[in-house]
Amino acid sequence: MFAKVEGMEDPKFLQWRNQCNNIQERWTAAFQKSLFTDMKFLVGEEKKVMKCHSVILTLQSPNFQAKYYQNPFDETGIKHGLEVEVPNYQPKYFSLFLQV
């Protein structure tokens, strides 16, 4: 049905996916392993890098959508590789926000 993609024959390519039983477990694994992330937060005074998935934040937060997606029907969407500084939060608390 689909053409083989270069690299798929490498057992490590799908290993993370095979350990998950459903989509919720896949999202959790993708978050924990920073897989397929498309933006970064630079958190706290030390600017700790925290990678995340903009689509999840956009689905969960109307504020995030309003700030970073001016028009949800615009095909361009968010700019991949976006970096956002969040100096007023400690990384350990901000990571809780990202996990929710």
Protein backbone atom coordinates (compact mmCIF):
# COMPACT_ATOMS: atom_id res chain seq x y z
CA MET A 1 0.00 0.00 0.00
CA PHE A 2 2.77 2.46 0.94
CA ALA A 3 6.20 2.62 -0.60
CA LYS A 4 9.06 1.65 1.67
CA VAL A 5 10.77 4.63 3.22
CA GLU A 6 14.53 4.69 3.51
CA GLY A 7 15.55 3.83 7.07
CA MET A 8 12.47 1.74 7.92
CA GLU A 9 14.51 -1.44 7.73
CA ASP A 10 16.49 -0.23 10.77
CA PRO A 11 14.89 -1.99 13.80
CA LYS A 12 15.41 1.13 15.93
CA PHE A 13 13.22 3.13 13.54
CA LEU A 14 9.98 1.55 14.80
CA GLN A 15 11.15 0.22 18.16
CA TRP A 16 9.56 3.03 20.19
CA ARG A 17 6.22 2.53 18.40
CA ASN A 18 6.14 -1.23 18.94
CA GLN A 19 6.33 -0.69 22.69
CA CYS A 20 3.03 1.25 22.66
CA ASN A 21 -0.41 -0.34 22.61
CA ASN A 22 -2.52 2.68 21.67
CA ILE A 23 -2.38 6.28 20.51
CA GLN A 24 -2.29 7.69 24.04
CA GLU A 25 0.84 5.65 24.79
CA ARG A 26 2.37 6.82 21.48
CA TRP A 27 1.75 10.48 22.34
CA THR A 28 3.27 9.92 25.79
CA ALA A 29 6.32 8.21 24.29
CA ALA A 30 6.70 10.96 21.68
CA PHE A 31 6.60 13.60 24.43
CA GLN A 32 9.03 11.77 26.72
CA LYS A 33 11.51 11.11 23.91
CA SER A 34 11.02 14.51 22.20
CA LEU A 35 10.05 12.76 18.96
CA PHE A 36 8.63 14.83 16.10
CA THR A 37 8.71 18.07 18.07
CA ASP A 38 8.34 21.28 16.14
CA MET A 39 8.95 23.98 18.72
CA LYS A 40 11.02 24.78 21.79
CA PHE A 41 10.44 26.71 24.96
CA LEU A 42 13.47 28.31 26.63
CA VAL A 43 12.39 28.17 30.26
CA GLY A 44 13.61 30.06 33.32
CA GLU A 45 16.64 32.22 33.80
CA GLU A 46 18.88 29.37 32.63
CA LYS A 47 16.82 29.03 29.41
CA LYS A 48 16.40 25.28 29.71
CA VAL A 49 15.27 23.88 26.35
CA MET A 50 11.95 22.07 26.50
CA LYS A 51 10.73 20.62 23.20
CA CYS A 52 7.08 20.10 22.44
CA HIS A 53 4.40 19.53 19.82
CA SER A 54 2.61 22.70 18.75
CA VAL A 55 -0.46 20.77 17.57
CA ILE A 56 -1.09 19.45 21.11
CA LEU A 57 -0.69 22.91 22.65
CA THR A 58 -2.95 24.42 20.01
CA LEU A 59 -5.67 21.82 20.57
CA GLN A 60 -5.54 22.38 24.34
CA SER A 61 -5.07 26.14 24.59
CA PRO A 62 -7.09 28.87 22.89
CA ASN A 63 -4.43 31.34 24.10
CA PHE A 64 -1.69 29.41 22.34
CA GLN A 65 -3.77 29.20 19.19
CA ALA A 66 -4.53 32.93 19.23
CA LYS A 67 -0.89 33.86 19.75
CA TYR A 68 0.81 31.48 17.31
CA TYR A 69 -1.89 30.60 14.76
CA GLN A 70 -3.60 33.72 13.49
CA ASN A 71 -5.94 31.71 11.28
CA PRO A 72 -6.49 27.97 11.92
CA PHE A 73 -7.52 27.53 8.27
CA ASP A 74 -4.30 29.06 6.97
CA GLU A 75 -2.33 26.29 5.29
CA THR A 76 1.00 27.67 6.44
CA GLY A 77 0.25 26.99 10.11
CA ILE A 78 2.90 27.52 12.74
CA LYS A 79 6.49 28.08 11.75
CA HIS A 80 8.42 24.92 12.52
CA GLY A 81 11.35 25.46 14.79
CA LEU A 82 9.64 28.25 16.72
CA GLU A 83 11.43 29.17 19.96
CA VAL A 84 9.54 30.87 22.77
CA GLU A 85 11.25 32.31 25.84
CA VAL A 86 9.45 31.77 29.15
CA PRO A 87 11.70 33.46 31.71
CA ASN A 88 9.22 33.70 34.59
CA TYR A 89 8.73 29.98 35.24
CA GLN A 90 10.91 27.30 36.75
CA PRO A 91 11.53 24.40 34.37
CA LYS A 92 10.18 21.78 36.79
CA TYR A 93 6.79 23.54 36.92
CA PHE A 94 6.66 24.35 33.23
CA SER A 95 7.26 20.69 32.36
CA LEU A 96 4.09 19.85 34.33
CA PHE A 97 2.18 22.26 32.09
CA LEU A 98 3.51 20.50 28.99
CA GLN A 99 2.57 17.07 30.32
CA VAL A 100 -1.08 17.88 30.98
